[in-house]
Amino acid sequence: MKDLNDLMQAILDMDATQRKAAAAAAEERTERLGRLDEERKAIAAEYAARAQASGRAAAAAADAANRAALEELQRRRTAAEQQLDARAAAHRDEWVAELVRRTLAQPRAGGEA
């Protein structure tokens, strides 16, 4: 009977040892998962910061390009306005003479034909 009691005690001791080992392994696993989660969060934060900085840089570059394009458009518009004014000035006397001729060629109002 003593052998049976010793065998039962040995089984209980092995079971307790196995439970302790399983608990220790679960605790270690939980710790490792926690560290991995912290690393994952740090990596995600780093890449989010990089993406944000990259986005700001791209926005700044686009803004500079837009400003340059707008300045070019304004320069072209000014040049086109100056060309139009020069053309109008070159033909002004001709247009005034044509308008005077047309006005004089019209029958006068008041019944005269």
N, C-alpha and C. Protein backbone atom coordinates (compact mmCIF):
# COMPACT_ATOMS: atom_id res chain seq x y z
N MET A 1 0.82 -1.18 0.00
CA MET A 1 0.00 0.00 0.00
C MET A 1 0.87 1.26 0.00
N LYS A 2 2.02 1.08 0.69
CA LYS A 2 2.93 2.20 0.74
C LYS A 2 3.43 2.52 -0.66
N ASP A 3 3.67 1.51 -1.47
CA ASP A 3 4.12 1.74 -2.83
C ASP A 3 3.07 2.47 -3.65
N LEU A 4 1.83 2.11 -3.42
CA LEU A 4 0.73 2.78 -4.12
C LEU A 4 0.65 4.24 -3.70
N ASN A 5 0.82 4.50 -2.40
CA ASN A 5 0.80 5.88 -1.92
C ASN A 5 1.99 6.66 -2.48
N ASP A 6 3.14 6.02 -2.54
CA ASP A 6 4.32 6.69 -3.10
C ASP A 6 4.11 6.99 -4.59
N LEU A 7 3.50 6.02 -5.29
CA LEU A 7 3.22 6.21 -6.72
C LEU A 7 2.24 7.36 -6.93
N MET A 8 1.19 7.40 -6.12
CA MET A 8 0.19 8.49 -6.22
C MET A 8 0.84 9.84 -5.90
N GLN A 9 1.71 9.85 -4.87
CA GLN A 9 2.38 11.09 -4.51
C GLN A 9 3.30 11.53 -5.65
N ALA A 10 3.99 10.59 -6.27
CA ALA A 10 4.88 10.92 -7.39
C ALA A 10 4.08 11.47 -8.56
N ILE A 11 2.90 10.88 -8.82
CA ILE A 11 2.03 11.38 -9.89
C ILE A 11 1.56 12.78 -9.58
N LEU A 12 1.15 13.02 -8.33
CA LEU A 12 0.70 14.35 -7.93
C LEU A 12 1.84 15.37 -8.03
N ASP A 13 3.04 14.93 -7.62
CA ASP A 13 4.19 15.84 -7.71
C ASP A 13 4.51 16.17 -9.17
N MET A 14 4.46 15.16 -10.06
CA MET A 14 4.72 15.40 -11.48
C MET A 14 3.65 16.32 -12.07
N ASP A 15 2.39 16.11 -11.65
CA ASP A 15 1.30 16.95 -12.14
C ASP A 15 1.51 18.40 -11.69
N ALA A 16 1.90 18.57 -10.43
CA ALA A 16 2.14 19.92 -9.92
C ALA A 16 3.30 20.58 -10.65
N THR A 17 4.35 19.81 -10.90
CA THR A 17 5.52 20.32 -11.63
C THR A 17 5.12 20.70 -13.05
N GLN A 18 4.31 19.86 -13.66
CA GLN A 18 3.85 20.14 -15.03
C GLN A 18 2.99 21.39 -15.07
N ARG A 19 2.12 21.55 -14.07
CA ARG A 19 1.27 22.76 -14.01
C ARG A 19 2.12 24.01 -13.82
N LYS A 20 3.14 23.91 -12.94
CA LYS A 20 4.03 25.06 -12.72
C LYS A 20 4.77 25.41 -14.01
N ALA A 21 5.24 24.38 -14.72
CA ALA A 21 5.96 24.62 -15.97
C ALA A 21 5.03 25.22 -17.02
N ALA A 22 3.79 24.73 -17.07
CA ALA A 22 2.81 25.27 -18.03
C ALA A 22 2.47 26.71 -17.68
N ALA A 23 2.33 27.00 -16.39
CA ALA A 23 2.02 28.37 -15.96
C ALA A 23 3.20 29.30 -16.28
N ALA A 24 4.42 28.81 -16.02
CA ALA A 24 5.61 29.61 -16.32
C ALA A 24 5.71 29.86 -17.82
N ALA A 25 5.43 28.84 -18.62
CA ALA A 25 5.48 29.00 -20.08
C ALA A 25 4.41 29.98 -20.55
N ALA A 26 3.22 29.89 -19.97
CA ALA A 26 2.15 30.82 -20.35
C ALA A 26 2.52 32.25 -19.96
N GLU A 27 3.13 32.42 -18.79
CA GLU A 27 3.54 33.75 -18.35
C GLU A 27 4.63 34.30 -19.27
N GLU A 28 5.58 33.44 -19.63
CA GLU A 28 6.66 33.85 -20.55
C GLU A 28 6.08 34.23 -21.90
N ARG A 29 5.13 33.44 -22.37
CA ARG A 29 4.48 33.72 -23.65
C ARG A 29 3.75 35.05 -23.61
N THR A 30 3.04 35.30 -22.51
CA THR A 30 2.32 36.56 -22.35
C THR A 30 3.29 37.74 -22.35
N GLU A 31 4.43 37.58 -21.66
CA GLU A 31 5.45 38.64 -21.65
C GLU A 31 6.00 38.89 -23.05
N ARG A 32 6.33 37.81 -23.75
CA ARG A 32 6.88 37.94 -25.10
C ARG A 32 5.86 38.58 -26.04
N LEU A 33 4.60 38.18 -25.92
CA LEU A 33 3.56 38.80 -26.74
C LEU A 33 3.42 40.28 -26.42
N GLY A 34 3.53 40.63 -25.14
CA GLY A 34 3.46 42.04 -24.74
C GLY A 34 4.60 42.84 -25.34
N ARG A 35 5.83 42.27 -25.28
CA ARG A 35 6.98 42.96 -25.87
C ARG A 35 6.83 43.10 -27.38
N LEU A 36 6.36 42.02 -28.01
CA LEU A 36 6.14 42.08 -29.46
C LEU A 36 5.08 43.13 -29.82
N ASP A 37 4.04 43.23 -29.00
CA ASP A 37 3.00 44.22 -29.26
C ASP A 37 3.57 45.63 -29.11
N GLU A 38 4.42 45.82 -28.10
CA GLU A 38 5.05 47.14 -27.92
C GLU A 38 5.96 47.46 -29.11
N GLU A 39 6.70 46.47 -29.59
CA GLU A 39 7.56 46.67 -30.76
C GLU A 39 6.72 47.00 -31.99
N ARG A 40 5.60 46.27 -32.14
CA ARG A 40 4.72 46.51 -33.28
C ARG A 40 4.17 47.93 -33.23
N LYS A 41 3.76 48.38 -32.04
CA LYS A 41 3.24 49.74 -31.90
C LYS A 41 4.33 50.77 -32.20
N ALA A 42 5.54 50.52 -31.74
CA ALA A 42 6.66 51.45 -32.00
C ALA A 42 6.96 51.52 -33.49
N ILE A 43 6.96 50.37 -34.15
CA ILE A 43 7.22 50.34 -35.60
C ILE A 43 6.09 51.06 -36.34
N ALA A 44 4.86 50.81 -35.93
CA ALA A 44 3.72 51.47 -36.58
C ALA A 44 3.79 52.98 -36.39
N ALA A 45 4.17 53.41 -35.18
CA ALA A 45 4.29 54.85 -34.92
C ALA A 45 5.42 55.46 -35.76
N GLU A 46 6.52 54.74 -35.87
CA GLU A 46 7.65 55.23 -36.68
C GLU A 46 7.24 55.38 -38.14
N TYR A 47 6.58 54.37 -38.68
CA TYR A 47 6.17 54.45 -40.09
C TYR A 47 5.07 55.49 -40.29
N ALA A 48 4.20 55.67 -39.31
CA ALA A 48 3.19 56.72 -39.42
C ALA A 48 3.87 58.09 -39.45
N ALA A 49 4.89 58.27 -38.61
CA ALA A 49 5.63 59.54 -38.59
C ALA A 49 6.34 59.76 -39.92
N ARG A 50 6.95 58.68 -40.45
CA ARG A 50 7.63 58.79 -41.76
C ARG A 50 6.63 59.14 -42.86
N ALA A 51 5.47 58.49 -42.83
CA ALA A 51 4.45 58.76 -43.84
C ALA A 51 3.96 60.19 -43.73
N GLN A 52 3.79 60.66 -42.49
CA GLN A 52 3.32 62.03 -42.29
C GLN A 52 4.36 63.03 -42.80
N ALA A 53 5.63 62.77 -42.48
CA ALA A 53 6.71 63.65 -42.96
C ALA A 53 6.79 63.62 -44.48
N SER A 54 6.66 62.44 -45.05
CA SER A 54 6.68 62.31 -46.51
C SER A 54 5.50 63.05 -47.13
N GLY A 55 4.35 62.94 -46.50
CA GLY A 55 3.16 63.66 -46.99
C GLY A 55 3.35 65.16 -46.93
N ARG A 56 3.93 65.64 -45.82
CA ARG A 56 4.19 67.08 -45.71
C ARG A 56 5.18 67.54 -46.77
N ALA A 57 6.21 66.73 -47.02
CA ALA A 57 7.21 67.08 -48.03
C ALA A 57 6.57 67.11 -49.42
N ALA A 58 5.71 66.13 -49.70
CA ALA A 58 5.04 66.09 -51.00
C ALA A 58 4.10 67.28 -51.15
N ALA A 59 3.40 67.64 -50.08
CA ALA A 59 2.50 68.79 -50.12
C ALA A 59 3.29 70.08 -50.35
N ALA A 60 4.43 70.20 -49.69
CA ALA A 60 5.26 71.39 -49.87
C ALA A 60 5.78 71.47 -51.30
N ALA A 61 6.20 70.33 -51.84
CA ALA A 61 6.69 70.32 -53.23
C ALA A 61 5.58 70.67 -54.20
N ALA A 62 4.38 70.13 -53.97
CA ALA A 62 3.24 70.44 -54.83
C ALA A 62 2.89 71.91 -54.72
N ASP A 63 2.95 72.46 -53.51
CA ASP A 63 2.64 73.87 -53.31
C ASP A 63 3.65 74.75 -54.06
N ALA A 64 4.92 74.39 -53.99
CA ALA A 64 5.95 75.15 -54.70
C ALA A 64 5.74 75.06 -56.21
N ALA A 65 5.41 73.86 -56.69
CA ALA A 65 5.17 73.69 -58.13
C ALA A 65 3.94 74.48 -58.56
N ASN A 66 2.91 74.47 -57.74
CA ASN A 66 1.70 75.23 -58.07
C ASN A 66 1.98 76.73 -58.09
N ARG A 67 2.78 77.19 -57.12
CA ARG A 67 3.14 78.61 -57.10
C ARG A 67 3.92 78.99 -58.35
N ALA A 68 4.86 78.14 -58.74
CA ALA A 68 5.65 78.41 -59.94
C ALA A 68 4.77 78.42 -61.19
N ALA A 69 3.84 77.47 -61.27
CA ALA A 69 2.94 77.42 -62.42
C ALA A 69 2.03 78.65 -62.45
N LEU A 70 1.56 79.07 -61.29
CA LEU A 70 0.70 80.26 -61.23
C LEU A 70 1.48 81.51 -61.65
N GLU A 71 2.72 81.62 -61.20
CA GLU A 71 3.54 82.77 -61.60
C GLU A 71 3.78 82.77 -63.11
N GLU A 72 4.00 81.59 -63.68
CA GLU A 72 4.19 81.48 -65.13
C GLU A 72 2.92 81.88 -65.87
N LEU A 73 1.78 81.43 -65.38
CA LEU A 73 0.50 81.81 -66.00
C LEU A 73 0.27 83.31 -65.92
N GLN A 74 0.58 83.89 -64.78
CA GLN A 74 0.42 85.34 -64.63
C GLN A 74 1.36 86.10 -65.57
N ARG A 75 2.58 85.59 -65.72
CA ARG A 75 3.54 86.23 -66.63
C ARG A 75 3.03 86.14 -68.07
N ARG A 76 2.53 84.96 -68.46
CA ARG A 76 2.00 84.79 -69.82
C ARG A 76 0.78 85.67 -70.05
N ARG A 77 -0.08 85.77 -69.03
CA ARG A 77 -1.28 86.61 -69.16
C ARG A 77 -0.88 88.07 -69.36
N THR A 78 0.07 88.53 -68.57
CA THR A 78 0.54 89.91 -68.70
C THR A 78 1.12 90.15 -70.10
N ALA A 79 1.90 89.20 -70.58
CA ALA A 79 2.48 89.32 -71.92
C ALA A 79 1.39 89.34 -72.99
N ALA A 80 0.37 88.50 -72.83
CA ALA A 80 -0.73 88.46 -73.80
C ALA A 80 -1.52 89.77 -73.76
N GLU A 81 -1.75 90.32 -72.58
CA GLU A 81 -2.46 91.60 -72.47
C GLU A 81 -1.66 92.71 -73.13
N GLN A 82 -0.35 92.70 -72.95
CA GLN A 82 0.49 93.72 -73.57
C GLN A 82 0.47 93.59 -75.09
N GLN A 83 0.49 92.34 -75.59
CA GLN A 83 0.41 92.14 -77.04
C GLN A 83 -0.92 92.62 -77.58
N LEU A 84 -2.00 92.34 -76.87
CA LEU A 84 -3.32 92.77 -77.30
C LEU A 84 -3.41 94.30 -77.31
N ASP A 85 -2.89 94.92 -76.27
CA ASP A 85 -2.89 96.39 -76.23
C ASP A 85 -2.05 96.96 -77.38
N ALA A 86 -0.91 96.34 -77.67
CA ALA A 86 -0.07 96.83 -78.77
C ALA A 86 -0.78 96.67 -80.11
N ARG A 87 -1.47 95.55 -80.32
CA ARG A 87 -2.22 95.35 -81.56
C ARG A 87 -3.35 96.38 -81.69
N ALA A 88 -4.05 96.59 -80.57
CA ALA A 88 -5.15 97.57 -80.61
C ALA A 88 -4.60 98.97 -80.91
N ALA A 89 -3.49 99.33 -80.30
CA ALA A 89 -2.89 100.64 -80.55
C ALA A 89 -2.44 100.78 -82.00
N ALA A 90 -1.93 99.69 -82.57
CA ALA A 90 -1.45 99.73 -83.96
C ALA A 90 -2.60 99.95 -84.94
N HIS A 91 -3.78 99.49 -84.61
CA HIS A 91 -4.93 99.60 -85.52
C HIS A 91 -5.94 100.66 -85.10
N ARG A 92 -5.66 101.39 -84.04
CA ARG A 92 -6.61 102.35 -83.51
C ARG A 92 -7.03 103.39 -84.56
N ASP A 93 -6.09 104.00 -85.20
CA ASP A 93 -6.42 105.04 -86.19
C ASP A 93 -7.24 104.44 -87.33
N GLU A 94 -6.89 103.25 -87.77
CA GLU A 94 -7.62 102.59 -88.84
C GLU A 94 -9.07 102.32 -88.41
N TRP A 95 -9.27 101.85 -87.18
CA TRP A 95 -10.62 101.54 -86.68
C TRP A 95 -11.45 102.82 -86.49
N VAL A 96 -10.79 103.87 -86.01
CA VAL A 96 -11.52 105.14 -85.83
C VAL A 96 -11.96 105.66 -87.19
N ALA A 97 -11.09 105.60 -88.19
CA ALA A 97 -11.46 106.07 -89.54
C ALA A 97 -12.60 105.24 -90.09
N GLU A 98 -12.59 103.92 -89.88
CA GLU A 98 -13.67 103.05 -90.37
C GLU A 98 -14.98 103.39 -89.68
N LEU A 99 -14.92 103.63 -88.36
CA LEU A 99 -16.16 103.98 -87.64
C LEU A 99 -16.71 105.32 -88.12
N VAL A 100 -15.83 106.27 -88.37
CA VAL A 100 -16.28 107.57 -88.87
C VAL A 100 -16.90 107.40 -90.26
N ARG A 101 -16.26 106.62 -91.11
CA ARG A 101 -16.80 106.38 -92.45
C ARG A 101 -18.17 105.73 -92.38
N ARG A 102 -18.33 104.73 -91.53
CA ARG A 102 -19.63 104.05 -91.40
C ARG A 102 -20.69 105.00 -90.86
N THR A 103 -20.29 105.82 -89.90
CA THR A 103 -21.26 106.77 -89.33
C THR A 103 -21.69 107.76 -90.38
N LEU A 104 -20.78 108.28 -91.17
CA LEU A 104 -21.12 109.26 -92.21
C LEU A 104 -21.91 108.62 -93.34
N ALA A 105 -21.72 107.31 -93.56
CA ALA A 105 -22.41 106.63 -94.65
C ALA A 105 -23.86 106.29 -94.30
N GLN A 106 -24.22 106.33 -93.03
CA GLN A 106 -25.57 106.00 -92.62
C GLN A 106 -26.52 107.16 -92.94
N PRO A 107 -27.76 106.81 -93.33
CA PRO A 107 -28.71 107.90 -93.55
C PRO A 107 -29.01 108.58 -92.23
N ARG A 108 -29.23 109.85 -92.28
CA ARG A 108 -29.51 110.59 -91.05
C ARG A 108 -30.91 110.34 -90.58
N ALA A 109 -31.08 110.38 -89.29
CA ALA A 109 -32.41 110.22 -88.73
C ALA A 109 -33.16 111.53 -88.92
N GLY A 110 -34.44 111.46 -88.99
CA GLY A 110 -35.26 112.65 -89.15
C GLY A 110 -35.88 112.74 -90.49
N GLY A 111 -35.89 111.70 -91.24
CA GLY A 111 -36.62 111.66 -92.49
C GLY A 111 -35.79 111.95 -93.70
N GLU A 112 -34.62 112.36 -93.56
CA GLU A 112 -33.81 112.60 -94.74
C GLU A 112 -33.28 111.29 -95.28
N ALA A 113 -33.34 111.14 -96.55
CA ALA A 113 -32.86 109.90 -97.14
C ALA A 113 -31.81 110.16 -98.16
